[in-house]
């Protein structure tokens, strides 16, 4: 279950909103393929935020459930693809953070 939050500096957001929206489908396709998940498992949020001037203007947080086949190399590859895709859509440097959720404490009601 990839849970994706994309935080975009509010001064940048108006100019990248449309292109970023067009990129969400391909991002979802990549995540579903690379992480072996079905589309209904995905959750996306794009949020304009106040970013500090000395930090990246776009940040992506990706939360996933751990699986044995999700090796560090695979996850680094997914993060690199995600950074490139969102960077292409926003025209700026993107920071990506990935966390694995604890399956014993994680609860989701859909």
PDB file of N, CA and C in Angstrom:
ATOM      1  N   UNK A   1       0.828  -1.175   0.000  1.00  0.00           N
ATOM      2  CA  UNK A   1       0.000   0.000   0.000  1.00  0.00           C
ATOM      3  C   UNK A   1       0.870   1.236   0.000  1.00  0.00           C
ATOM      4  N   UNK A   2       1.140   1.768  -1.139  1.00  0.00           N
ATOM      5  CA  UNK A   2       1.880   3.016  -1.122  1.00  0.00           C
ATOM      6  C   UNK A   2       0.976   4.191  -0.744  1.00  0.00           C
ATOM      7  N   UNK A   3       1.375   4.893   0.295  1.00  0.00           N
ATOM      8  CA  UNK A   3       0.710   6.113   0.724  1.00  0.00           C
ATOM      9  C   UNK A   3       1.660   7.242   0.352  1.00  0.00           C
ATOM     10  N   UNK A   4       1.256   8.083  -0.581  1.00  0.00           N
ATOM     11  CA  UNK A   4       2.129   9.107  -1.133  1.00  0.00           C
ATOM     12  C   UNK A   4       1.598  10.486  -0.782  1.00  0.00           C
ATOM     13  N   UNK A   5       2.473  11.289  -0.186  1.00  0.00           N
ATOM     14  CA  UNK A   5       2.147  12.691   0.095  1.00  0.00           C
ATOM     15  C   UNK A   5       3.187  13.538  -0.605  1.00  0.00           C
ATOM     16  N   UNK A   6       2.712  14.459  -1.429  1.00  0.00           N
ATOM     17  CA  UNK A   6       3.603  15.362  -2.150  1.00  0.00           C
ATOM     18  C   UNK A   6       3.355  16.766  -1.626  1.00  0.00           C
ATOM     19  N   UNK A   7       4.391  17.325  -1.023  1.00  0.00           N
ATOM     20  CA  UNK A   7       4.321  18.662  -0.445  1.00  0.00           C
ATOM     21  C   UNK A   7       5.021  19.634  -1.391  1.00  0.00           C
ATOM     22  N   UNK A   8       4.285  20.647  -1.862  1.00  0.00           N
ATOM     23  CA  UNK A   8       4.816  21.602  -2.844  1.00  0.00           C
ATOM     24  C   UNK A   8       4.757  23.000  -2.253  1.00  0.00           C
ATOM     25  N   UNK A   9       5.881  23.720  -2.337  1.00  0.00           N
ATOM     26  CA  UNK A   9       5.911  25.101  -1.865  1.00  0.00           C
ATOM     27  C   UNK A   9       4.747  25.866  -2.483  1.00  0.00           C
ATOM     28  N   UNK A  10       4.019  26.586  -1.646  1.00  0.00           N
ATOM     29  CA  UNK A  10       2.797  27.242  -2.104  1.00  0.00           C
ATOM     30  C   UNK A  10       3.057  28.298  -3.163  1.00  0.00           C
ATOM     31  N   UNK A  11       4.257  28.841  -3.239  1.00  0.00           N
ATOM     32  CA  UNK A  11       4.553  29.816  -4.289  1.00  0.00           C
ATOM     33  C   UNK A  11       4.821  29.127  -5.628  1.00  0.00           C
ATOM     34  N   UNK A  12       5.200  27.866  -5.603  1.00  0.00           N
ATOM     35  CA  UNK A  12       5.458  27.082  -6.809  1.00  0.00           C
ATOM     36  C   UNK A  12       4.195  26.356  -7.289  1.00  0.00           C
ATOM     37  N   UNK A  13       3.335  26.011  -6.355  1.00  0.00           N
ATOM     38  CA  UNK A  13       2.191  25.150  -6.639  1.00  0.00           C
ATOM     39  C   UNK A  13       1.325  25.606  -7.816  1.00  0.00           C
ATOM     40  N   UNK A  14       0.917  26.871  -7.906  1.00  0.00           N
ATOM     41  CA  UNK A  14       0.034  27.255  -9.022  1.00  0.00           C
ATOM     42  C   UNK A  14       0.625  26.964 -10.404  1.00  0.00           C
ATOM     43  N   UNK A  15       1.923  27.123 -10.541  1.00  0.00           N
ATOM     44  CA  UNK A  15       2.535  26.934 -11.858  1.00  0.00           C
ATOM     45  C   UNK A  15       2.789  25.464 -12.210  1.00  0.00           C
ATOM     46  N   UNK A  16       2.760  24.572 -11.222  1.00  0.00           N
ATOM     47  CA  UNK A  16       3.046  23.154 -11.487  1.00  0.00           C
ATOM     48  C   UNK A  16       1.838  22.252 -11.252  1.00  0.00           C
ATOM     49  N   UNK A  17       0.768  22.816 -10.767  1.00  0.00           N
ATOM     50  CA  UNK A  17      -0.404  22.025 -10.383  1.00  0.00           C
ATOM     51  C   UNK A  17      -0.902  21.108 -11.503  1.00  0.00           C
ATOM     52  N   UNK A  18      -1.082  21.668 -12.677  1.00  0.00           N
ATOM     53  CA  UNK A  18      -1.633  20.894 -13.791  1.00  0.00           C
ATOM     54  C   UNK A  18      -0.686  19.768 -14.218  1.00  0.00           C
ATOM     55  N   UNK A  19       0.594  20.086 -14.391  1.00  0.00           N
ATOM     56  CA  UNK A  19       1.540  19.066 -14.814  1.00  0.00           C
ATOM     57  C   UNK A  19       1.718  17.996 -13.740  1.00  0.00           C
ATOM     58  N   UNK A  20       1.718  18.395 -12.487  1.00  0.00           N
ATOM     59  CA  UNK A  20       1.835  17.427 -11.402  1.00  0.00           C
ATOM     60  C   UNK A  20       0.629  16.498 -11.384  1.00  0.00           C
ATOM     61  N   UNK A  21      -0.556  17.032 -11.612  1.00  0.00           N
ATOM     62  CA  UNK A  21      -1.764  16.206 -11.661  1.00  0.00           C
ATOM     63  C   UNK A  21      -1.666  15.176 -12.787  1.00  0.00           C
ATOM     64  N   UNK A  22      -1.112  15.565 -13.928  1.00  0.00           N
ATOM     65  CA  UNK A  22      -0.946  14.641 -15.048  1.00  0.00           C
ATOM     66  C   UNK A  22       0.078  13.549 -14.743  1.00  0.00           C
ATOM     67  N   UNK A  23       0.987  13.831 -13.843  1.00  0.00           N
ATOM     68  CA  UNK A  23       2.056  12.891 -13.508  1.00  0.00           C
ATOM     69  C   UNK A  23       1.600  11.836 -12.496  1.00  0.00           C
ATOM     70  N   UNK A  24       0.529  12.102 -11.773  1.00  0.00           N
ATOM     71  CA  UNK A  24       0.100  11.171 -10.721  1.00  0.00           C
ATOM     72  C   UNK A  24      -0.244   9.788 -11.270  1.00  0.00           C
ATOM     73  N   UNK A  25      -0.883   9.708 -12.415  1.00  0.00           N
ATOM     74  CA  UNK A  25      -1.213   8.409 -13.010  1.00  0.00           C
ATOM     75  C   UNK A  25       0.028   7.583 -13.314  1.00  0.00           C
ATOM     76  N   UNK A  26       0.999   8.156 -14.049  1.00  0.00           N
ATOM     77  CA  UNK A  26       2.229   7.408 -14.291  1.00  0.00           C
ATOM     78  C   UNK A  26       3.001   7.056 -13.010  1.00  0.00           C
ATOM     79  N   UNK A  27       2.969   7.939 -12.021  1.00  0.00           N
ATOM     80  CA  UNK A  27       3.621   7.622 -10.743  1.00  0.00           C
ATOM     81  C   UNK A  27       2.931   6.425 -10.105  1.00  0.00           C
ATOM     82  N   UNK A  28       1.617   6.446 -10.095  1.00  0.00           N
ATOM     83  CA  UNK A  28       0.870   5.323  -9.518  1.00  0.00           C
ATOM     84  C   UNK A  28       1.174   4.027 -10.264  1.00  0.00           C
ATOM     85  N   UNK A  29       1.206   4.094 -11.589  1.00  0.00           N
ATOM     86  CA  UNK A  29       1.521   2.904 -12.384  1.00  0.00           C
ATOM     87  C   UNK A  29       2.894   2.349 -12.024  1.00  0.00           C
ATOM     88  N   UNK A  30       3.879   3.228 -11.887  1.00  0.00           N
ATOM     89  CA  UNK A  30       5.228   2.799 -11.537  1.00  0.00           C
ATOM     90  C   UNK A  30       5.247   2.153 -10.156  1.00  0.00           C
ATOM     91  N   UNK A  31       4.606   2.793  -9.189  1.00  0.00           N
ATOM     92  CA  UNK A  31       4.592   2.254  -7.827  1.00  0.00           C
ATOM     93  C   UNK A  31       3.890   0.896  -7.783  1.00  0.00           C
ATOM     94  N   UNK A  32       2.757   0.789  -8.458  1.00  0.00           N
ATOM     95  CA  UNK A  32       2.031  -0.489  -8.465  1.00  0.00           C
ATOM     96  C   UNK A  32       2.875  -1.581  -9.105  1.00  0.00           C
ATOM     97  N   UNK A  33       3.532  -1.261 -10.195  1.00  0.00           N
ATOM     98  CA  UNK A  33       4.365  -2.249 -10.876  1.00  0.00           C
ATOM     99  C   UNK A  33       5.576  -2.632 -10.019  1.00  0.00           C
ATOM    100  N   UNK A  34       6.335  -1.640  -9.585  1.00  0.00           N
ATOM    101  CA  UNK A  34       7.594  -1.915  -8.889  1.00  0.00           C
ATOM    102  C   UNK A  34       7.389  -2.501  -7.494  1.00  0.00           C
ATOM    103  N   UNK A  35       6.295  -2.117  -6.831  1.00  0.00           N
ATOM    104  CA  UNK A  35       6.038  -2.609  -5.468  1.00  0.00           C
ATOM    105  C   UNK A  35       5.043  -3.768  -5.450  1.00  0.00           C
ATOM    106  N   UNK A  36       4.554  -4.176  -6.620  1.00  0.00           N
ATOM    107  CA  UNK A  36       3.607  -5.290  -6.744  1.00  0.00           C
ATOM    108  C   UNK A  36       2.354  -5.085  -5.885  1.00  0.00           C
ATOM    109  N   UNK A  37       1.682  -3.973  -6.141  1.00  0.00           N
ATOM    110  CA  UNK A  37       0.434  -3.681  -5.434  1.00  0.00           C
ATOM    111  C   UNK A  37      -0.661  -3.366  -6.441  1.00  0.00           C
ATOM    112  N   UNK A  38      -1.902  -3.514  -6.019  1.00  0.00           N
ATOM    113  CA  UNK A  38      -3.048  -3.184  -6.855  1.00  0.00           C
ATOM    114  C   UNK A  38      -3.411  -1.712  -6.683  1.00  0.00           C
ATOM    115  N   UNK A  39      -4.002  -1.129  -7.696  1.00  0.00           N
ATOM    116  CA  UNK A  39      -4.373   0.284  -7.695  1.00  0.00           C
ATOM    117  C   UNK A  39      -5.192   0.686  -6.464  1.00  0.00           C
ATOM    118  N   UNK A  40      -6.212  -0.089  -6.043  1.00  0.00           N
ATOM    119  CA  UNK A  40      -6.999   0.346  -4.883  1.00  0.00           C
ATOM    120  C   UNK A  40      -6.193   0.479  -3.585  1.00  0.00           C
ATOM    121  N   UNK A  41      -5.000  -0.073  -3.554  1.00  0.00           N
ATOM    122  CA  UNK A  41      -4.168   0.033  -2.355  1.00  0.00           C
ATOM    123  C   UNK A  41      -3.488   1.391  -2.239  1.00  0.00           C
ATOM    124  N   UNK A  42      -3.508   2.177  -3.299  1.00  0.00           N
ATOM    125  CA  UNK A  42      -2.779   3.454  -3.330  1.00  0.00           C
ATOM    126  C   UNK A  42      -3.562   4.583  -2.665  1.00  0.00           C
ATOM    127  N   UNK A  43      -2.800   5.502  -2.101  1.00  0.00           N
ATOM    128  CA  UNK A  43      -3.374   6.720  -1.520  1.00  0.00           C
ATOM    129  C   UNK A  43      -2.451   7.872  -1.896  1.00  0.00           C
ATOM    130  N   UNK A  44      -3.005   8.932  -2.469  1.00  0.00           N
ATOM    131  CA  UNK A  44      -2.216  10.090  -2.875  1.00  0.00           C
ATOM    132  C   UNK A  44      -2.782  11.358  -2.262  1.00  0.00           C
ATOM    133  N   UNK A  45      -1.891  12.265  -1.909  1.00  0.00           N
ATOM    134  CA  UNK A  45      -2.280  13.607  -1.486  1.00  0.00           C
ATOM    135  C   UNK A  45      -1.230  14.576  -2.011  1.00  0.00           C
ATOM    136  N   UNK A  46      -1.683  15.672  -2.586  1.00  0.00           N
ATOM    137  CA  UNK A  46      -0.794  16.748  -3.016  1.00  0.00           C
ATOM    138  C   UNK A  46      -1.189  17.966  -2.212  1.00  0.00           C
ATOM    139  N   UNK A  47      -0.201  18.528  -1.507  1.00  0.00           N
ATOM    140  CA  UNK A  47      -0.496  19.600  -0.575  1.00  0.00           C
ATOM    141  C   UNK A  47       0.413  20.801  -0.777  1.00  0.00           C
ATOM    142  N   UNK A  48      -0.157  21.981  -1.005  1.00  0.00           N
ATOM    143  CA  UNK A  48       0.681  23.184  -1.002  1.00  0.00           C
ATOM    144  C   UNK A  48       1.055  23.513   0.447  1.00  0.00           C
ATOM    145  N   UNK A  49       2.312  23.872   0.661  1.00  0.00           N
ATOM    146  CA  UNK A  49       2.816  24.153   2.006  1.00  0.00           C
ATOM    147  C   UNK A  49       3.729  25.375   1.957  1.00  0.00           C
ATOM    148  N   UNK A  50       4.031  25.907   3.115  1.00  0.00           N
ATOM    149  CA  UNK A  50       5.039  26.950   3.232  1.00  0.00           C
ATOM    150  C   UNK A  50       6.381  26.266   3.417  1.00  0.00           C
ATOM    151  N   UNK A  51       7.227  26.345   2.402  1.00  0.00           N
ATOM    152  CA  UNK A  51       8.547  25.723   2.475  1.00  0.00           C
ATOM    153  C   UNK A  51       9.575  26.767   2.885  1.00  0.00           C
ATOM    154  N   UNK A  52      10.535  26.330   3.661  1.00  0.00           N
ATOM    155  CA  UNK A  52      11.624  27.222   4.055  1.00  0.00           C
ATOM    156  C   UNK A  52      12.531  27.460   2.854  1.00  0.00           C
ATOM    157  N   UNK A  53      13.077  28.648   2.746  1.00  0.00           N
ATOM    158  CA  UNK A  53      13.842  29.040   1.569  1.00  0.00           C
ATOM    159  C   UNK A  53      15.089  28.199   1.327  1.00  0.00           C
ATOM    160  N   UNK A  54      15.663  27.634   2.378  1.00  0.00           N
ATOM    161  CA  UNK A  54      16.906  26.885   2.218  1.00  0.00           C
ATOM    162  C   UNK A  54      16.690  25.374   2.142  1.00  0.00           C
ATOM    163  N   UNK A  55      15.444  24.948   1.937  1.00  0.00           N
ATOM    164  CA  UNK A  55      15.117  23.528   1.833  1.00  0.00           C
ATOM    165  C   UNK A  55      14.445  23.254   0.487  1.00  0.00           C
ATOM    166  N   UNK A  56      14.381  21.984   0.071  1.00  0.00           N
ATOM    167  CA  UNK A  56      13.726  21.676  -1.213  1.00  0.00           C
ATOM    168  C   UNK A  56      12.292  22.212  -1.247  1.00  0.00           C
ATOM    169  N   UNK A  57      11.901  22.691  -2.414  1.00  0.00           N
ATOM    170  CA  UNK A  57      10.558  23.248  -2.578  1.00  0.00           C
ATOM    171  C   UNK A  57       9.506  22.172  -2.743  1.00  0.00           C
ATOM    172  N   UNK A  58       9.939  20.946  -3.043  1.00  0.00           N
ATOM    173  CA  UNK A  58       9.020  19.816  -3.195  1.00  0.00           C
ATOM    174  C   UNK A  58       9.580  18.647  -2.394  1.00  0.00           C
ATOM    175  N   UNK A  59       8.735  18.066  -1.569  1.00  0.00           N
ATOM    176  CA  UNK A  59       9.082  16.896  -0.766  1.00  0.00           C
ATOM    177  C   UNK A  59       8.033  15.818  -0.990  1.00  0.00           C
ATOM    178  N   UNK A  60       8.485  14.584  -1.123  1.00  0.00           N
ATOM    179  CA  UNK A  60       7.579  13.458  -1.278  1.00  0.00           C
ATOM    180  C   UNK A  60       7.820  12.510  -0.119  1.00  0.00           C
ATOM    181  N   UNK A  61       6.748  12.129   0.544  1.00  0.00           N
ATOM    182  CA  UNK A  61       6.807  11.118   1.599  1.00  0.00           C
ATOM    183  C   UNK A  61       6.052   9.887   1.119  1.00  0.00           C
ATOM    184  N   UNK A  62       6.719   8.764   1.143  1.00  0.00           N
ATOM    185  CA  UNK A  62       6.146   7.502   0.700  1.00  0.00           C
ATOM    186  C   UNK A  62       6.165   6.536   1.874  1.00  0.00           C
ATOM    187  N   UNK A  63       5.001   6.030   2.236  1.00  0.00           N
ATOM    188  CA  UNK A  63       4.891   5.031   3.296  1.00  0.00           C
ATOM    189  C   UNK A  63       4.398   3.731   2.677  1.00  0.00           C
ATOM    190  N   UNK A  64       5.060   2.632   3.050  1.00  0.00           N
ATOM    191  CA  UNK A  64       4.697   1.328   2.493  1.00  0.00           C
ATOM    192  C   UNK A  64       4.706   0.275   3.589  1.00  0.00           C
ATOM    193  N   UNK A  65       4.046  -0.826   3.311  1.00  0.00           N
ATOM    194  CA  UNK A  65       4.126  -1.989   4.183  1.00  0.00           C
ATOM    195  C   UNK A  65       5.365  -2.787   3.778  1.00  0.00           C
ATOM    196  N   UNK A  66       6.117  -3.289   4.734  1.00  0.00           N
ATOM    197  CA  UNK A  66       7.310  -4.061   4.389  1.00  0.00           C
ATOM    198  C   UNK A  66       6.959  -5.429   3.804  1.00  0.00           C
ATOM    199  N   UNK A  67       7.802  -5.886   2.912  1.00  0.00           N
ATOM    200  CA  UNK A  67       7.733  -7.233   2.339  1.00  0.00           C
ATOM    201  C   UNK A  67       9.167  -7.683   2.092  1.00  0.00           C
ATOM    202  N   UNK A  68       9.380  -8.972   2.159  1.00  0.00           N
ATOM    203  CA  UNK A  68      10.733  -9.511   1.975  1.00  0.00           C
ATOM    204  C   UNK A  68      11.327  -9.106   0.628  1.00  0.00           C
ATOM    205  N   UNK A  69      10.508  -9.076  -0.411  1.00  0.00           N
ATOM    206  CA  UNK A  69      11.019  -8.756  -1.743  1.00  0.00           C
ATOM    207  C   UNK A  69      11.294  -7.274  -1.947  1.00  0.00           C
ATOM    208  N   UNK A  70      10.902  -6.430  -0.998  1.00  0.00           N
ATOM    209  CA  UNK A  70      11.153  -4.996  -1.091  1.00  0.00           C
ATOM    210  C   UNK A  70      12.506  -4.692  -0.444  1.00  0.00           C
ATOM    211  N   UNK A  71      13.525  -5.042  -1.168  1.00  0.00           N
ATOM    212  CA  UNK A  71      14.889  -4.859  -0.682  1.00  0.00           C
ATOM    213  C   UNK A  71      15.265  -3.386  -0.684  1.00  0.00           C
ATOM    214  N   UNK A  72      16.342  -3.081  -0.007  1.00  0.00           N
ATOM    215  CA  UNK A  72      16.832  -1.697   0.007  1.00  0.00           C
ATOM    216  C   UNK A  72      17.126  -1.221  -1.414  1.00  0.00           C
ATOM    217  N   UNK A  73      17.737  -2.084  -2.239  1.00  0.00           N
ATOM    218  CA  UNK A  73      18.035  -1.702  -3.618  1.00  0.00           C
ATOM    219  C   UNK A  73      16.765  -1.391  -4.401  1.00  0.00           C
ATOM    220  N   UNK A  74      15.741  -2.219  -4.237  1.00  0.00           N
ATOM    221  CA  UNK A  74      14.475  -1.964  -4.929  1.00  0.00           C
ATOM    222  C   UNK A  74      13.871  -0.648  -4.459  1.00  0.00           C
ATOM    223  N   UNK A  75      13.861  -0.427  -3.160  1.00  0.00           N
ATOM    224  CA  UNK A  75      13.261   0.794  -2.620  1.00  0.00           C
ATOM    225  C   UNK A  75      14.046   2.035  -3.027  1.00  0.00           C
ATOM    226  N   UNK A  76      15.370   1.934  -3.096  1.00  0.00           N
ATOM    227  CA  UNK A  76      16.183   3.061  -3.568  1.00  0.00           C
ATOM    228  C   UNK A  76      15.849   3.360  -5.036  1.00  0.00           C
ATOM    229  N   UNK A  77      15.641   2.325  -5.829  1.00  0.00           N
ATOM    230  CA  UNK A  77      15.267   2.499  -7.225  1.00  0.00           C
ATOM    231  C   UNK A  77      13.910   3.187  -7.349  1.00  0.00           C
ATOM    232  N   UNK A  78      12.950   2.747  -6.548  1.00  0.00           N
ATOM    233  CA  UNK A  78      11.617   3.368  -6.554  1.00  0.00           C
ATOM    234  C   UNK A  78      11.723   4.837  -6.172  1.00  0.00           C
ATOM    235  N   UNK A  79      12.495   5.142  -5.141  1.00  0.00           N
ATOM    236  CA  UNK A  79      12.653   6.534  -4.705  1.00  0.00           C
ATOM    237  C   UNK A  79      13.302   7.382  -5.792  1.00  0.00           C
ATOM    238  N   UNK A  80      14.302   6.836  -6.476  1.00  0.00           N
ATOM    239  CA  UNK A  80      14.968   7.569  -7.547  1.00  0.00           C
ATOM    240  C   UNK A  80      13.998   7.852  -8.697  1.00  0.00           C
ATOM    241  N   UNK A  81      13.201   6.860  -9.073  1.00  0.00           N
ATOM    242  CA  UNK A  81      12.208   7.061 -10.137  1.00  0.00           C
ATOM    243  C   UNK A  81      11.177   8.098  -9.712  1.00  0.00           C
ATOM    244  N   UNK A  82      10.734   8.012  -8.474  1.00  0.00           N
ATOM    245  CA  UNK A  82       9.743   8.949  -7.948  1.00  0.00           C
ATOM    246  C   UNK A  82      10.299  10.373  -7.956  1.00  0.00           C
ATOM    247  N   UNK A  83      11.542  10.534  -7.509  1.00  0.00           N
ATOM    248  CA  UNK A  83      12.164  11.863  -7.492  1.00  0.00           C
ATOM    249  C   UNK A  83      12.276  12.417  -8.912  1.00  0.00           C
ATOM    250  N   UNK A  84      12.660  11.575  -9.860  1.00  0.00           N
ATOM    251  CA  UNK A  84      12.802  12.034 -11.234  1.00  0.00           C
ATOM    252  C   UNK A  84      11.447  12.427 -11.832  1.00  0.00           C
ATOM    253  N   UNK A  85      10.436  11.605 -11.612  1.00  0.00           N
ATOM    254  CA  UNK A  85       9.114  11.885 -12.194  1.00  0.00           C
ATOM    255  C   UNK A  85       8.509  13.163 -11.622  1.00  0.00           C
ATOM    256  N   UNK A  86       8.568  13.316 -10.308  1.00  0.00           N
ATOM    257  CA  UNK A  86       8.005  14.518  -9.675  1.00  0.00           C
ATOM    258  C   UNK A  86       8.876  15.729 -10.001  1.00  0.00           C
ATOM    259  N   UNK A  87      10.185  15.532 -10.082  1.00  0.00           N
ATOM    260  CA  UNK A  87      11.081  16.624 -10.467  1.00  0.00           C
ATOM    261  C   UNK A  87      10.806  17.109 -11.876  1.00  0.00           C
ATOM    262  N   UNK A  88      10.574  16.186 -12.798  1.00  0.00           N
ATOM    263  CA  UNK A  88      10.241  16.570 -14.173  1.00  0.00           C
ATOM    264  C   UNK A  88       8.929  17.358 -14.219  1.00  0.00           C
ATOM    265  N   UNK A  89       7.978  16.967 -13.388  1.00  0.00           N
ATOM    266  CA  UNK A  89       6.672  17.635 -13.379  1.00  0.00           C
ATOM    267  C   UNK A  89       6.725  19.013 -12.742  1.00  0.00           C
ATOM    268  N   UNK A  90       7.648  19.202 -11.793  1.00  0.00           N
ATOM    269  CA  UNK A  90       7.691  20.464 -11.058  1.00  0.00           C
ATOM    270  C   UNK A  90       8.858  21.361 -11.463  1.00  0.00           C
ATOM    271  N   UNK A  91       9.818  20.804 -12.178  1.00  0.00           N
ATOM    272  CA  UNK A  91      10.953  21.597 -12.623  1.00  0.00           C
ATOM    273  C   UNK A  91      11.874  22.040 -11.506  1.00  0.00           C
ATOM    274  N   UNK A  92      11.903  21.291 -10.427  1.00  0.00           N
ATOM    275  CA  UNK A  92      12.751  21.655  -9.296  1.00  0.00           C
ATOM    276  C   UNK A  92      13.280  20.396  -8.619  1.00  0.00           C
ATOM    277  N   UNK A  93      14.240  20.602  -7.744  1.00  0.00           N
ATOM    278  CA  UNK A  93      14.797  19.492  -6.964  1.00  0.00           C
ATOM    279  C   UNK A  93      13.712  18.950  -6.029  1.00  0.00           C
ATOM    280  N   UNK A  94      13.662  17.634  -5.900  1.00  0.00           N
ATOM    281  CA  UNK A  94      12.662  16.976  -5.060  1.00  0.00           C
ATOM    282  C   UNK A  94      13.368  16.093  -4.042  1.00  0.00           C
ATOM    283  N   UNK A  95      12.964  16.201  -2.798  1.00  0.00           N
ATOM    284  CA  UNK A  95      13.448  15.302  -1.752  1.00  0.00           C
ATOM    285  C   UNK A  95      12.409  14.204  -1.562  1.00  0.00           C
ATOM    286  N   UNK A  96      12.871  12.962  -1.427  1.00  0.00           N
ATOM    287  CA  UNK A  96      11.981  11.824  -1.242  1.00  0.00           C
ATOM    288  C   UNK A  96      12.360  11.109   0.045  1.00  0.00           C
ATOM    289  N   UNK A  97      11.350  10.801   0.851  1.00  0.00           N
ATOM    290  CA  UNK A  97      11.552  10.031   2.074  1.00  0.00           C
ATOM    291  C   UNK A  97      10.609   8.840   2.044  1.00  0.00           C
ATOM    292  N   UNK A  98      11.149   7.679   2.356  1.00  0.00           N
ATOM    293  CA  UNK A  98      10.347   6.460   2.371  1.00  0.00           C
ATOM    294  C   UNK A  98      10.414   5.848   3.766  1.00  0.00           C
ATOM    295  N   UNK A  99       9.261   5.463   4.282  1.00  0.00           N
ATOM    296  CA  UNK A  99       9.218   4.763   5.558  1.00  0.00           C
ATOM    297  C   UNK A  99       8.403   3.483   5.397  1.00  0.00           C
ATOM    298  N   UNK A 100       8.837   2.466   6.112  1.00  0.00           N
ATOM    299  CA  UNK A 100       8.073   1.217   6.174  1.00  0.00           C
ATOM    300  C   UNK A 100       7.216   1.261   7.425  1.00  0.00           C
ATOM    301  N   UNK A 101       5.965   0.922   7.262  1.00  0.00           N
ATOM    302  CA  UNK A 101       5.021   0.944   8.373  1.00  0.00           C
ATOM    303  C   UNK A 101       5.106  -0.353   9.172  1.00  0.00           C
ATOM    304  N   UNK A 102       4.754  -0.279  10.411  1.00  0.00           N
ATOM    305  CA  UNK A 102       4.719  -1.462  11.264  1.00  0.00           C
ATOM    306  C   UNK A 102       3.392  -2.181  11.029  1.00  0.00           C
ATOM    307  N   UNK A 103       3.418  -3.373  10.427  1.00  0.00           N
ATOM    308  CA  UNK A 103       2.159  -4.061  10.106  1.00  0.00           C
ATOM    309  C   UNK A 103       1.362  -4.472  11.338  1.00  0.00           C
ATOM    310  N   UNK A 104       1.998  -4.503  12.508  1.00  0.00           N
ATOM    311  CA  UNK A 104       1.293  -4.892  13.728  1.00  0.00           C
ATOM    312  C   UNK A 104       0.517  -3.737  14.352  1.00  0.00           C
ATOM    313  N   UNK A 105       0.913  -2.504  14.029  1.00  0.00           N
ATOM    314  CA  UNK A 105       0.228  -1.363  14.624  1.00  0.00           C
ATOM    315  C   UNK A 105      -0.524  -0.521  13.607  1.00  0.00           C
ATOM    316  N   UNK A 106      -0.298  -0.781  12.324  1.00  0.00           N
ATOM    317  CA  UNK A 106      -0.954   0.012  11.279  1.00  0.00           C
ATOM    318  C   UNK A 106      -2.413  -0.419  11.141  1.00  0.00           C
ATOM    319  N   UNK A 107      -3.297   0.581  11.089  1.00  0.00           N
ATOM    320  CA  UNK A 107      -4.729   0.334  10.907  1.00  0.00           C
ATOM    321  C   UNK A 107      -5.213   1.210   9.764  1.00  0.00           C
ATOM    322  N   UNK A 108      -5.993   0.644   8.858  1.00  0.00           N
ATOM    323  CA  UNK A 108      -6.581   1.425   7.764  1.00  0.00           C
ATOM    324  C   UNK A 108      -8.041   1.020   7.637  1.00  0.00           C
ATOM    325  N   UNK A 109      -8.909   2.028   7.651  1.00  0.00           N
ATOM    326  CA  UNK A 109     -10.324   1.820   7.376  1.00  0.00           C
ATOM    327  C   UNK A 109     -10.612   2.509   6.057  1.00  0.00           C
ATOM    328  N   UNK A 110     -11.102   1.762   5.095  1.00  0.00           N
ATOM    329  CA  UNK A 110     -11.343   2.360   3.762  1.00  0.00           C
ATOM    330  C   UNK A 110     -12.805   2.280   3.431  1.00  0.00           C
TER     331      UNK A 110
END
